[in-house]
Amino acid sequence: MSGPRPRGEGRQFSREMTVARIRERNDAAVEVMFLESVRIYKLYRQHPAFDRILRLLRDTLEARRALTVTLASVDSDVIEGAEGS
């Protein structure tokens, strides 16, 4: 597990995490739990890359492998992006 690291010039942070569970509800966001954190993270349906990120989260959950998750900030529970490892 790697700790948060700055991404670009903004305040976003990225860290490598492993999806433990994805909880889809009929509200504005999908909830995502990771093995490395007790926090429940949110991927908002209004995100322009929602479908791509959700597909990647599902794929890595099924494959049981980590991915790099970009958060709005180091203290945020909002998923801004994801990249496969």
N, C-alpha and C. Protein backbone atom coordinates (compact mmCIF):
# COMPACT_ATOMS: atom_id res chain seq x y z
N MET A 1 0.84 -1.17 0.00
CA MET A 1 0.00 0.00 0.00
C MET A 1 0.89 1.23 0.00
N SER A 2 0.53 2.18 -0.82
CA SER A 2 1.29 3.43 -0.83
C SER A 2 0.43 4.53 -0.24
N GLY A 3 1.09 5.52 0.32
CA GLY A 3 0.36 6.64 0.91
C GLY A 3 -0.08 7.61 -0.16
N PRO A 4 -0.89 8.60 0.24
CA PRO A 4 -1.34 9.59 -0.72
C PRO A 4 -0.16 10.35 -1.31
N ARG A 5 -0.30 10.74 -2.56
CA ARG A 5 0.75 11.54 -3.18
C ARG A 5 0.11 12.63 -4.03
N PRO A 6 0.73 13.80 -4.08
CA PRO A 6 0.17 14.89 -4.88
C PRO A 6 0.07 14.49 -6.34
N ARG A 7 -0.92 15.01 -7.00
CA ARG A 7 -1.11 14.75 -8.42
C ARG A 7 -1.25 16.11 -9.10
N GLY A 8 -0.28 16.45 -9.92
CA GLY A 8 -0.33 17.71 -10.65
C GLY A 8 -0.21 18.91 -9.74
N GLU A 9 -0.70 20.02 -10.21
CA GLU A 9 -0.59 21.27 -9.47
C GLU A 9 -1.74 21.47 -8.49
N GLY A 10 -2.84 20.75 -8.66
CA GLY A 10 -4.00 20.95 -7.80
C GLY A 10 -3.85 20.27 -6.45
N ARG A 11 -4.95 20.20 -5.75
CA ARG A 11 -4.94 19.60 -4.42
C ARG A 11 -5.38 18.15 -4.45
N GLN A 12 -5.55 17.57 -5.62
CA GLN A 12 -5.94 16.16 -5.72
C GLN A 12 -4.82 15.26 -5.21
N PHE A 13 -5.21 14.10 -4.70
CA PHE A 13 -4.26 13.11 -4.23
C PHE A 13 -4.61 11.76 -4.81
N SER A 14 -3.58 10.96 -5.07
CA SER A 14 -3.78 9.62 -5.60
C SER A 14 -3.14 8.61 -4.66
N ARG A 15 -3.75 7.44 -4.59
CA ARG A 15 -3.15 6.34 -3.83
C ARG A 15 -3.60 5.03 -4.42
N GLU A 16 -2.76 4.03 -4.23
CA GLU A 16 -3.07 2.70 -4.73
C GLU A 16 -3.94 1.99 -3.71
N MET A 17 -5.11 1.49 -4.18
CA MET A 17 -6.04 0.82 -3.28
C MET A 17 -6.69 -0.37 -4.00
N THR A 18 -7.26 -1.27 -3.20
CA THR A 18 -7.91 -2.47 -3.70
C THR A 18 -9.39 -2.41 -3.34
N VAL A 19 -10.24 -2.52 -4.34
CA VAL A 19 -11.70 -2.45 -4.11
C VAL A 19 -12.15 -3.66 -3.30
N ALA A 20 -12.89 -3.40 -2.23
CA ALA A 20 -13.46 -4.46 -1.41
C ALA A 20 -14.93 -4.67 -1.73
N ARG A 21 -15.63 -3.57 -2.03
CA ARG A 21 -17.07 -3.66 -2.29
C ARG A 21 -17.53 -2.42 -3.03
N ILE A 22 -18.51 -2.61 -3.90
CA ILE A 22 -19.17 -1.50 -4.59
C ILE A 22 -20.64 -1.59 -4.25
N ARG A 23 -21.17 -0.49 -3.74
CA ARG A 23 -22.59 -0.47 -3.34
C ARG A 23 -23.31 0.54 -4.23
N GLU A 24 -24.18 0.03 -5.09
CA GLU A 24 -24.93 0.90 -5.99
C GLU A 24 -26.32 1.12 -5.45
N ARG A 25 -26.68 2.38 -5.39
CA ARG A 25 -28.01 2.75 -4.92
C ARG A 25 -28.64 3.65 -5.96
N ASN A 26 -29.87 4.01 -5.76
CA ASN A 26 -30.57 4.84 -6.72
C ASN A 26 -30.43 6.33 -6.40
N ASP A 27 -29.31 6.70 -5.81
CA ASP A 27 -29.11 8.12 -5.52
C ASP A 27 -28.00 8.68 -6.39
N ALA A 28 -27.44 9.78 -6.01
CA ALA A 28 -26.50 10.53 -6.84
C ALA A 28 -25.11 9.90 -6.93
N ALA A 29 -24.80 8.93 -6.09
CA ALA A 29 -23.44 8.38 -6.07
C ALA A 29 -23.43 6.88 -5.82
N VAL A 30 -22.37 6.26 -6.30
CA VAL A 30 -22.06 4.86 -6.00
C VAL A 30 -21.07 4.88 -4.84
N GLU A 31 -21.27 4.03 -3.86
CA GLU A 31 -20.35 3.96 -2.73
C GLU A 31 -19.32 2.86 -2.97
N VAL A 32 -18.06 3.18 -2.68
CA VAL A 32 -16.97 2.24 -2.92
C VAL A 32 -16.17 2.08 -1.63
N MET A 33 -15.92 0.84 -1.24
CA MET A 33 -15.10 0.55 -0.07
C MET A 33 -13.81 -0.12 -0.55
N PHE A 34 -12.71 0.27 0.08
CA PHE A 34 -11.40 -0.27 -0.27
C PHE A 34 -10.81 -0.99 0.94
N LEU A 35 -9.99 -2.01 0.68
CA LEU A 35 -9.37 -2.77 1.77
C LEU A 35 -8.47 -1.90 2.63
N GLU A 36 -7.86 -0.90 2.04
CA GLU A 36 -6.85 -0.09 2.74
C GLU A 36 -7.42 1.05 3.57
N SER A 37 -8.73 1.21 3.61
CA SER A 37 -9.32 2.36 4.29
C SER A 37 -10.68 2.00 4.89
N VAL A 38 -11.00 2.56 6.03
CA VAL A 38 -12.32 2.34 6.64
C VAL A 38 -13.36 3.32 6.09
N ARG A 39 -12.92 4.31 5.37
CA ARG A 39 -13.80 5.33 4.81
C ARG A 39 -14.62 4.74 3.65
N ILE A 40 -15.83 5.25 3.49
CA ILE A 40 -16.65 4.91 2.32
C ILE A 40 -16.50 6.05 1.33
N TYR A 41 -16.05 5.72 0.13
CA TYR A 41 -15.80 6.71 -0.91
C TYR A 41 -16.99 6.79 -1.85
N LYS A 42 -17.13 7.93 -2.53
CA LYS A 42 -18.26 8.15 -3.42
C LYS A 42 -17.78 8.47 -4.83
N LEU A 43 -18.41 7.82 -5.79
CA LEU A 43 -18.23 8.15 -7.20
C LEU A 43 -19.57 8.70 -7.68
N TYR A 44 -19.59 10.00 -7.97
CA TYR A 44 -20.84 10.64 -8.34
C TYR A 44 -21.23 10.33 -9.78
N ARG A 45 -22.51 10.06 -9.98
CA ARG A 45 -23.03 9.72 -11.30
C ARG A 45 -22.87 10.86 -12.29
N GLN A 46 -22.78 12.09 -11.81
CA GLN A 46 -22.62 13.24 -12.69
C GLN A 46 -21.18 13.40 -13.20
N HIS A 47 -20.24 12.62 -12.66
CA HIS A 47 -18.85 12.69 -13.10
C HIS A 47 -18.79 12.36 -14.59
N PRO A 48 -18.06 13.14 -15.39
CA PRO A 48 -18.01 12.91 -16.83
C PRO A 48 -17.47 11.52 -17.22
N ALA A 49 -16.63 10.93 -16.40
CA ALA A 49 -16.06 9.61 -16.70
C ALA A 49 -16.67 8.52 -15.81
N PHE A 50 -17.88 8.74 -15.31
CA PHE A 50 -18.52 7.81 -14.39
C PHE A 50 -18.51 6.37 -14.91
N ASP A 51 -18.97 6.16 -16.13
CA ASP A 51 -19.07 4.80 -16.67
C ASP A 51 -17.71 4.12 -16.76
N ARG A 52 -16.70 4.85 -17.23
CA ARG A 52 -15.36 4.28 -17.37
C ARG A 52 -14.77 3.93 -16.00
N ILE A 53 -14.90 4.83 -15.04
CA ILE A 53 -14.35 4.60 -13.70
C ILE A 53 -15.06 3.44 -13.03
N LEU A 54 -16.39 3.39 -13.11
CA LEU A 54 -17.15 2.31 -12.49
C LEU A 54 -16.77 0.97 -13.11
N ARG A 55 -16.61 0.93 -14.42
CA ARG A 55 -16.21 -0.31 -15.09
C ARG A 55 -14.83 -0.76 -14.60
N LEU A 56 -13.90 0.18 -14.45
CA LEU A 56 -12.56 -0.16 -13.95
C LEU A 56 -12.63 -0.64 -12.51
N LEU A 57 -13.42 0.00 -11.68
CA LEU A 57 -13.59 -0.45 -10.29
C LEU A 57 -14.14 -1.87 -10.24
N ARG A 58 -15.14 -2.16 -11.06
CA ARG A 58 -15.72 -3.51 -11.10
C ARG A 58 -14.70 -4.54 -11.59
N ASP A 59 -13.96 -4.17 -12.64
CA ASP A 59 -12.96 -5.09 -13.20
C ASP A 59 -11.88 -5.43 -12.18
N THR A 60 -11.40 -4.42 -11.46
CA THR A 60 -10.34 -4.68 -10.48
C THR A 60 -10.88 -5.42 -9.26
N LEU A 61 -12.15 -5.19 -8.91
CA LEU A 61 -12.76 -5.96 -7.82
C LEU A 61 -12.81 -7.44 -8.20
N GLU A 62 -13.26 -7.72 -9.40
CA GLU A 62 -13.35 -9.11 -9.86
C GLU A 62 -11.97 -9.77 -9.95
N ALA A 63 -10.98 -9.01 -10.41
CA ALA A 63 -9.62 -9.55 -10.57
C ALA A 63 -8.82 -9.52 -9.26
N ARG A 64 -9.37 -8.87 -8.25
CA ARG A 64 -8.70 -8.75 -6.94
C ARG A 64 -7.31 -8.13 -7.07
N ARG A 65 -7.26 -7.03 -7.83
CA ARG A 65 -6.00 -6.32 -7.97
C ARG A 65 -6.19 -4.84 -7.64
N ALA A 66 -5.11 -4.20 -7.30
CA ALA A 66 -5.15 -2.79 -6.89
C ALA A 66 -5.22 -1.88 -8.12
N LEU A 67 -5.65 -0.66 -7.88
CA LEU A 67 -5.65 0.37 -8.89
C LEU A 67 -5.29 1.69 -8.23
N THR A 68 -4.93 2.68 -9.02
CA THR A 68 -4.62 4.00 -8.50
C THR A 68 -5.89 4.83 -8.53
N VAL A 69 -6.28 5.34 -7.37
CA VAL A 69 -7.50 6.12 -7.23
C VAL A 69 -7.11 7.57 -6.94
N THR A 70 -7.70 8.49 -7.68
CA THR A 70 -7.47 9.91 -7.47
C THR A 70 -8.65 10.48 -6.71
N LEU A 71 -8.35 11.16 -5.61
CA LEU A 71 -9.38 11.76 -4.76
C LEU A 71 -9.35 13.27 -4.90
N ALA A 72 -10.44 13.92 -4.58
CA ALA A 72 -10.52 15.38 -4.70
C ALA A 72 -9.47 16.07 -3.84
N SER A 73 -9.13 15.50 -2.69
CA SER A 73 -8.06 16.00 -1.82
C SER A 73 -7.67 14.87 -0.88
N VAL A 74 -6.63 15.08 -0.11
CA VAL A 74 -6.14 14.03 0.79
C VAL A 74 -7.19 13.63 1.83
N ASP A 75 -8.06 14.54 2.21
CA ASP A 75 -9.09 14.28 3.21
C ASP A 75 -10.47 13.96 2.61
N SER A 76 -10.52 13.86 1.30
CA SER A 76 -11.81 13.72 0.61
C SER A 76 -12.25 12.26 0.50
N ASP A 77 -13.56 12.08 0.37
CA ASP A 77 -14.12 10.76 0.08
C ASP A 77 -14.69 10.71 -1.33
N VAL A 78 -14.35 11.71 -2.15
CA VAL A 78 -14.86 11.82 -3.51
C VAL A 78 -13.84 11.30 -4.51
N ILE A 79 -14.24 10.30 -5.29
CA ILE A 79 -13.37 9.73 -6.31
C ILE A 79 -13.43 10.62 -7.55
N GLU A 80 -12.26 11.11 -7.97
CA GLU A 80 -12.17 11.97 -9.15
C GLU A 80 -11.65 11.20 -10.36
N GLY A 81 -10.95 10.09 -10.13
CA GLY A 81 -10.41 9.32 -11.24
C GLY A 81 -9.85 8.01 -10.76
N ALA A 82 -9.54 7.14 -11.72
CA ALA A 82 -8.94 5.83 -11.40
C ALA A 82 -8.17 5.34 -12.62
N GLU A 83 -7.06 4.66 -12.33
CA GLU A 83 -6.23 4.09 -13.38
C GLU A 83 -5.84 2.68 -12.95
N GLY A 84 -5.88 1.76 -13.90
CA GLY A 84 -5.50 0.38 -13.61
C GLY A 84 -4.01 0.27 -13.35
N SER A 85 -3.65 -0.69 -12.51
CA SER A 85 -2.23 -0.90 -12.17
C SER A 85 -1.60 -1.89 -13.12
